[in-house]
Amino acid sequence: MYKDVLRSIEDVEIFPVIGILIFFTFFVAWSIYAFSMKKDEVAELSSMPLDLDEDTENNSTNEFK
């Protein structure tokens, strides 16, 4: 049943190509962004999960009460 529905749509074969192009464009743009980041920024972002600041903990727990 679903095959017949998809076959009845004109130019349906272009949709997978568009999807791959969107994915590839996003992947390349994100890779360029990641490789062009400064080392200081990368170090700061990589240490964020390890930073346990008391102010941040108190603010985040108070929001959900």
PDB file of N, CA and C in Angstrom:
ATOM      1  N   MET A   1       0.814  -1.186   0.000  1.00  0.00           N
ATOM      2  CA  MET A   1       0.000   0.000   0.000  1.00  0.00           C
ATOM      3  C   MET A   1       0.864   1.259   0.000  1.00  0.00           C
ATOM      4  N   TYR A   2       1.871   1.308   0.897  1.00  0.00           N
ATOM      5  CA  TYR A   2       2.710   2.489   0.977  1.00  0.00           C
ATOM      6  C   TYR A   2       3.562   2.657  -0.276  1.00  0.00           C
ATOM      7  N   LYS A   3       3.971   1.555  -0.869  1.00  0.00           N
ATOM      8  CA  LYS A   3       4.764   1.637  -2.092  1.00  0.00           C
ATOM      9  C   LYS A   3       3.956   2.283  -3.203  1.00  0.00           C
ATOM     10  N   ASP A   4       2.675   1.943  -3.288  1.00  0.00           N
ATOM     11  CA  ASP A   4       1.827   2.531  -4.321  1.00  0.00           C
ATOM     12  C   ASP A   4       1.642   4.028  -4.104  1.00  0.00           C
ATOM     13  N   VAL A   5       1.532   4.432  -2.858  1.00  0.00           N
ATOM     14  CA  VAL A   5       1.378   5.861  -2.562  1.00  0.00           C
ATOM     15  C   VAL A   5       2.638   6.607  -2.975  1.00  0.00           C
ATOM     16  N   LEU A   6       3.799   6.070  -2.625  1.00  0.00           N
ATOM     17  CA  LEU A   6       5.047   6.741  -2.977  1.00  0.00           C
ATOM     18  C   LEU A   6       5.295   6.725  -4.480  1.00  0.00           C
ATOM     19  N   ARG A   7       4.888   5.687  -5.147  1.00  0.00           N
ATOM     20  CA  ARG A   7       5.074   5.622  -6.598  1.00  0.00           C
ATOM     21  C   ARG A   7       4.176   6.613  -7.320  1.00  0.00           C
ATOM     22  N   SER A   8       3.046   6.950  -6.731  1.00  0.00           N
ATOM     23  CA  SER A   8       2.119   7.863  -7.398  1.00  0.00           C
ATOM     24  C   SER A   8       2.555   9.324  -7.287  1.00  0.00           C
ATOM     25  N   ILE A   9       3.494   9.625  -6.400  1.00  0.00           N
ATOM     26  CA  ILE A   9       3.976  10.998  -6.252  1.00  0.00           C
ATOM     27  C   ILE A   9       5.015  11.266  -7.333  1.00  0.00           C
ATOM     28  N   GLU A  10       4.808  12.357  -8.058  1.00  0.00           N
ATOM     29  CA  GLU A  10       5.765  12.701  -9.113  1.00  0.00           C
ATOM     30  C   GLU A  10       7.054  13.232  -8.488  1.00  0.00           C
ATOM     31  N   ASP A  11       8.155  12.886  -9.074  1.00  0.00           N
ATOM     32  CA  ASP A  11       9.489  13.345  -8.657  1.00  0.00           C
ATOM     33  C   ASP A  11       9.795  13.020  -7.196  1.00  0.00           C
ATOM     34  N   VAL A  12       9.294  11.890  -6.701  1.00  0.00           N
ATOM     35  CA  VAL A  12       9.556  11.507  -5.318  1.00  0.00           C
ATOM     36  C   VAL A  12      11.017  11.110  -5.120  1.00  0.00           C
ATOM     37  N   GLU A  13      11.704  10.738  -6.170  1.00  0.00           N
ATOM     38  CA  GLU A  13      13.097  10.310  -6.025  1.00  0.00           C
ATOM     39  C   GLU A  13      14.045  11.459  -5.695  1.00  0.00           C
ATOM     40  N   ILE A  14      13.576  12.706  -5.767  1.00  0.00           N
ATOM     41  CA  ILE A  14      14.424  13.846  -5.439  1.00  0.00           C
ATOM     42  C   ILE A  14      14.513  14.061  -3.919  1.00  0.00           C
ATOM     43  N   PHE A  15      13.539  13.576  -3.154  1.00  0.00           N
ATOM     44  CA  PHE A  15      13.519  13.805  -1.708  1.00  0.00           C
ATOM     45  C   PHE A  15      14.714  13.184  -0.981  1.00  0.00           C
ATOM     46  N   PRO A  16      15.116  11.962  -1.268  1.00  0.00           N
ATOM     47  CA  PRO A  16      16.323  11.439  -0.599  1.00  0.00           C
ATOM     48  C   PRO A  16      17.582  12.232  -0.953  1.00  0.00           C
ATOM     49  N   VAL A  17      17.661  12.711  -2.171  1.00  0.00           N
ATOM     50  CA  VAL A  17      18.820  13.511  -2.584  1.00  0.00           C
ATOM     51  C   VAL A  17      18.848  14.820  -1.804  1.00  0.00           C
ATOM     52  N   ILE A  18      17.695  15.447  -1.660  1.00  0.00           N
ATOM     53  CA  ILE A  18      17.617  16.693  -0.895  1.00  0.00           C
ATOM     54  C   ILE A  18      17.995  16.439   0.565  1.00  0.00           C
ATOM     55  N   GLY A  19      17.530  15.341   1.126  1.00  0.00           N
ATOM     56  CA  GLY A  19      17.866  15.005   2.508  1.00  0.00           C
ATOM     57  C   GLY A  19      19.354  14.794   2.709  1.00  0.00           C
ATOM     58  N   ILE A  20      19.985  14.102   1.784  1.00  0.00           N
ATOM     59  CA  ILE A  20      21.431  13.867   1.882  1.00  0.00           C
ATOM     60  C   ILE A  20      22.198  15.175   1.725  1.00  0.00           C
ATOM     61  N   LEU A  21      21.755  16.042   0.827  1.00  0.00           N
ATOM     62  CA  LEU A  21      22.420  17.336   0.645  1.00  0.00           C
ATOM     63  C   LEU A  21      22.297  18.205   1.894  1.00  0.00           C
ATOM     64  N   ILE A  22      21.128  18.209   2.513  1.00  0.00           N
ATOM     65  CA  ILE A  22      20.957  18.983   3.745  1.00  0.00           C
ATOM     66  C   ILE A  22      21.862  18.431   4.841  1.00  0.00           C
ATOM     67  N   PHE A  23      21.899  17.122   5.005  1.00  0.00           N
ATOM     68  CA  PHE A  23      22.755  16.508   6.019  1.00  0.00           C
ATOM     69  C   PHE A  23      24.226  16.805   5.750  1.00  0.00           C
ATOM     70  N   PHE A  24      24.660  16.639   4.515  1.00  0.00           N
ATOM     71  CA  PHE A  24      26.060  16.852   4.167  1.00  0.00           C
ATOM     72  C   PHE A  24      26.454  18.310   4.386  1.00  0.00           C
ATOM     73  N   THR A  25      25.587  19.239   3.997  1.00  0.00           N
ATOM     74  CA  THR A  25      25.872  20.660   4.192  1.00  0.00           C
ATOM     75  C   THR A  25      26.002  20.986   5.675  1.00  0.00           C
ATOM     76  N   PHE A  26      25.078  20.483   6.480  1.00  0.00           N
ATOM     77  CA  PHE A  26      25.132  20.713   7.924  1.00  0.00           C
ATOM     78  C   PHE A  26      26.393  20.103   8.528  1.00  0.00           C
ATOM     79  N   PHE A  27      26.735  18.891   8.121  1.00  0.00           N
ATOM     80  CA  PHE A  27      27.915  18.206   8.646  1.00  0.00           C
ATOM     81  C   PHE A  27      29.188  18.965   8.292  1.00  0.00           C
ATOM     82  N   VAL A  28      29.317  19.413   7.063  1.00  0.00           N
ATOM     83  CA  VAL A  28      30.509  20.151   6.637  1.00  0.00           C
ATOM     84  C   VAL A  28      30.596  21.487   7.374  1.00  0.00           C
ATOM     85  N   ALA A  29      29.469  22.195   7.501  1.00  0.00           N
ATOM     86  CA  ALA A  29      29.476  23.483   8.199  1.00  0.00           C
ATOM     87  C   ALA A  29      29.861  23.304   9.664  1.00  0.00           C
ATOM     88  N   TRP A  30      29.329  22.281  10.318  1.00  0.00           N
ATOM     89  CA  TRP A  30      29.657  22.032  11.720  1.00  0.00           C
ATOM     90  C   TRP A  30      31.122  21.626  11.874  1.00  0.00           C
ATOM     91  N   SER A  31      31.643  20.856  10.944  1.00  0.00           N
ATOM     92  CA  SER A  31      33.048  20.456  10.996  1.00  0.00           C
ATOM     93  C   SER A  31      33.961  21.660  10.826  1.00  0.00           C
ATOM     94  N   ILE A  32      33.633  22.543   9.894  1.00  0.00           N
ATOM     95  CA  ILE A  32      34.430  23.757   9.697  1.00  0.00           C
ATOM     96  C   ILE A  32      34.406  24.605  10.958  1.00  0.00           C
ATOM     97  N   TYR A  33      33.231  24.737  11.558  1.00  0.00           N
ATOM     98  CA  TYR A  33      33.118  25.507  12.800  1.00  0.00           C
ATOM     99  C   TYR A  33      33.966  24.877  13.909  1.00  0.00           C
ATOM    100  N   ALA A  34      33.894  23.575  14.048  1.00  0.00           N
ATOM    101  CA  ALA A  34      34.621  22.895  15.123  1.00  0.00           C
ATOM    102  C   ALA A  34      36.132  23.004  14.933  1.00  0.00           C
ATOM    103  N   PHE A  35      36.606  22.851  13.717  1.00  0.00           N
ATOM    104  CA  PHE A  35      38.048  22.899  13.479  1.00  0.00           C
ATOM    105  C   PHE A  35      38.591  24.321  13.465  1.00  0.00           C
ATOM    106  N   SER A  36      37.731  25.328  13.327  1.00  0.00           N
ATOM    107  CA  SER A  36      38.207  26.704  13.313  1.00  0.00           C
ATOM    108  C   SER A  36      38.107  27.368  14.682  1.00  0.00           C
ATOM    109  N   MET A  37      37.659  26.629  15.691  1.00  0.00           N
ATOM    110  CA  MET A  37      37.561  27.194  17.034  1.00  0.00           C
ATOM    111  C   MET A  37      38.953  27.402  17.622  1.00  0.00           C
ATOM    112  N   LYS A  38      39.063  28.427  18.453  1.00  0.00           N
ATOM    113  CA  LYS A  38      40.325  28.688  19.135  1.00  0.00           C
ATOM    114  C   LYS A  38      40.535  27.648  20.228  1.00  0.00           C
ATOM    115  N   LYS A  39      41.790  27.370  20.517  1.00  0.00           N
ATOM    116  CA  LYS A  39      42.112  26.342  21.511  1.00  0.00           C
ATOM    117  C   LYS A  39      41.619  26.730  22.903  1.00  0.00           C
ATOM    118  N   ASP A  40      41.635  28.016  23.207  1.00  0.00           N
ATOM    119  CA  ASP A  40      41.144  28.456  24.510  1.00  0.00           C
ATOM    120  C   ASP A  40      39.651  28.171  24.653  1.00  0.00           C
ATOM    121  N   GLU A  41      38.911  28.416  23.587  1.00  0.00           N
ATOM    122  CA  GLU A  41      37.473  28.166  23.612  1.00  0.00           C
ATOM    123  C   GLU A  41      37.171  26.674  23.733  1.00  0.00           C
ATOM    124  N   VAL A  42      37.949  25.861  23.045  1.00  0.00           N
ATOM    125  CA  VAL A  42      37.772  24.409  23.127  1.00  0.00           C
ATOM    126  C   VAL A  42      38.064  23.925  24.547  1.00  0.00           C
ATOM    127  N   ALA A  43      39.126  24.447  25.147  1.00  0.00           N
ATOM    128  CA  ALA A  43      39.470  24.048  26.513  1.00  0.00           C
ATOM    129  C   ALA A  43      38.382  24.472  27.494  1.00  0.00           C
ATOM    130  N   GLU A  44      37.837  25.664  27.304  1.00  0.00           N
ATOM    131  CA  GLU A  44      36.769  26.137  28.187  1.00  0.00           C
ATOM    132  C   GLU A  44      35.513  25.275  28.052  1.00  0.00           C
ATOM    133  N   LEU A  45      35.135  24.962  26.824  1.00  0.00           N
ATOM    134  CA  LEU A  45      33.942  24.147  26.605  1.00  0.00           C
ATOM    135  C   LEU A  45      34.136  22.714  27.092  1.00  0.00           C
ATOM    136  N   SER A  46      35.342  22.193  26.955  1.00  0.00           N
ATOM    137  CA  SER A  46      35.576  20.812  27.386  1.00  0.00           C
ATOM    138  C   SER A  46      35.616  20.686  28.904  1.00  0.00           C
ATOM    139  N   SER A  47      35.928  21.763  29.603  1.00  0.00           N
ATOM    140  CA  SER A  47      35.972  21.692  31.065  1.00  0.00           C
ATOM    141  C   SER A  47      34.638  22.055  31.707  1.00  0.00           C
ATOM    142  N   MET A  48      33.667  22.497  30.938  1.00  0.00           N
ATOM    143  CA  MET A  48      32.377  22.902  31.508  1.00  0.00           C
ATOM    144  C   MET A  48      31.679  21.795  32.297  1.00  0.00           C
ATOM    145  N   PRO A  49      31.622  20.563  31.818  1.00  0.00           N
ATOM    146  CA  PRO A  49      30.929  19.535  32.607  1.00  0.00           C
ATOM    147  C   PRO A  49      31.623  19.224  33.930  1.00  0.00           C
ATOM    148  N   LEU A  50      32.888  19.552  34.037  1.00  0.00           N
ATOM    149  CA  LEU A  50      33.642  19.240  35.245  1.00  0.00           C
ATOM    150  C   LEU A  50      33.612  20.369  36.264  1.00  0.00           C
ATOM    151  N   ASP A  51      33.223  21.569  35.827  1.00  0.00           N
ATOM    152  CA  ASP A  51      33.166  22.709  36.735  1.00  0.00           C
ATOM    153  C   ASP A  51      31.926  22.600  37.609  1.00  0.00           C
ATOM    154  N   LEU A  52      32.143  22.556  38.907  1.00  0.00           N
ATOM    155  CA  LEU A  52      31.024  22.506  39.841  1.00  0.00           C
ATOM    156  C   LEU A  52      31.035  23.786  40.666  1.00  0.00           C
ATOM    157  N   ASP A  53      30.345  24.775  40.171  1.00  0.00           N
ATOM    158  CA  ASP A  53      30.259  26.054  40.850  1.00  0.00           C
ATOM    159  C   ASP A  53      29.010  26.042  41.730  1.00  0.00           C
ATOM    160  N   GLU A  54      29.145  26.460  42.984  1.00  0.00           N
ATOM    161  CA  GLU A  54      28.009  26.414  43.900  1.00  0.00           C
ATOM    162  C   GLU A  54      26.880  27.327  43.448  1.00  0.00           C
ATOM    163  N   ASP A  55      27.205  28.475  42.863  1.00  0.00           N
ATOM    164  CA  ASP A  55      26.164  29.387  42.396  1.00  0.00           C
ATOM    165  C   ASP A  55      25.333  28.740  41.300  1.00  0.00           C
ATOM    166  N   THR A  56      25.969  28.047  40.411  1.00  0.00           N
ATOM    167  CA  THR A  56      25.256  27.388  39.321  1.00  0.00           C
ATOM    168  C   THR A  56      24.359  26.282  39.856  1.00  0.00           C
ATOM    169  N   GLU A  57      24.852  25.517  40.820  1.00  0.00           N
ATOM    170  CA  GLU A  57      24.051  24.430  41.386  1.00  0.00           C
ATOM    171  C   GLU A  57      22.828  24.976  42.114  1.00  0.00           C
ATOM    172  N   ASN A  58      23.005  26.042  42.882  1.00  0.00           N
ATOM    173  CA  ASN A  58      21.882  26.611  43.627  1.00  0.00           C
ATOM    174  C   ASN A  58      20.840  27.203  42.693  1.00  0.00           C
ATOM    175  N   ASN A  59      21.272  27.862  41.642  1.00  0.00           N
ATOM    176  CA  ASN A  59      20.331  28.464  40.702  1.00  0.00           C
ATOM    177  C   ASN A  59      19.540  27.409  39.958  1.00  0.00           C
ATOM    178  N   SER A  60      20.183  26.343  39.577  1.00  0.00           N
ATOM    179  CA  SER A  60      19.484  25.327  38.798  1.00  0.00           C
ATOM    180  C   SER A  60      18.500  24.543  39.656  1.00  0.00           C
ATOM    181  N   THR A  61      18.810  24.329  40.932  1.00  0.00           N
ATOM    182  CA  THR A  61      17.880  23.573  41.773  1.00  0.00           C
ATOM    183  C   THR A  61      16.712  24.432  42.220  1.00  0.00           C
ATOM    184  N   ASN A  62      16.918  25.734  42.358  1.00  0.00           N
ATOM    185  CA  ASN A  62      15.835  26.614  42.786  1.00  0.00           C
ATOM    186  C   ASN A  62      14.806  26.828  41.691  1.00  0.00           C
ATOM    187  N   GLU A  63      15.194  26.708  40.450  1.00  0.00           N
ATOM    188  CA  GLU A  63      14.268  26.938  39.346  1.00  0.00           C
ATOM    189  C   GLU A  63      13.185  25.880  39.293  1.00  0.00           C
ATOM    190  N   PHE A  64      13.475  24.669  39.731  1.00  0.00           N
ATOM    191  CA  PHE A  64      12.535  23.570  39.595  1.00  0.00           C
ATOM    192  C   PHE A  64      11.686  23.348  40.844  1.00  0.00           C
ATOM    193  N   LYS A  65      11.875  24.142  41.863  1.00  0.00           N
ATOM    194  CA  LYS A  65      11.099  23.959  43.097  1.00  0.00           C
ATOM    195  C   LYS A  65       9.761  24.639  42.991  1.00  0.00           C
TER     196      LYS A  65
END
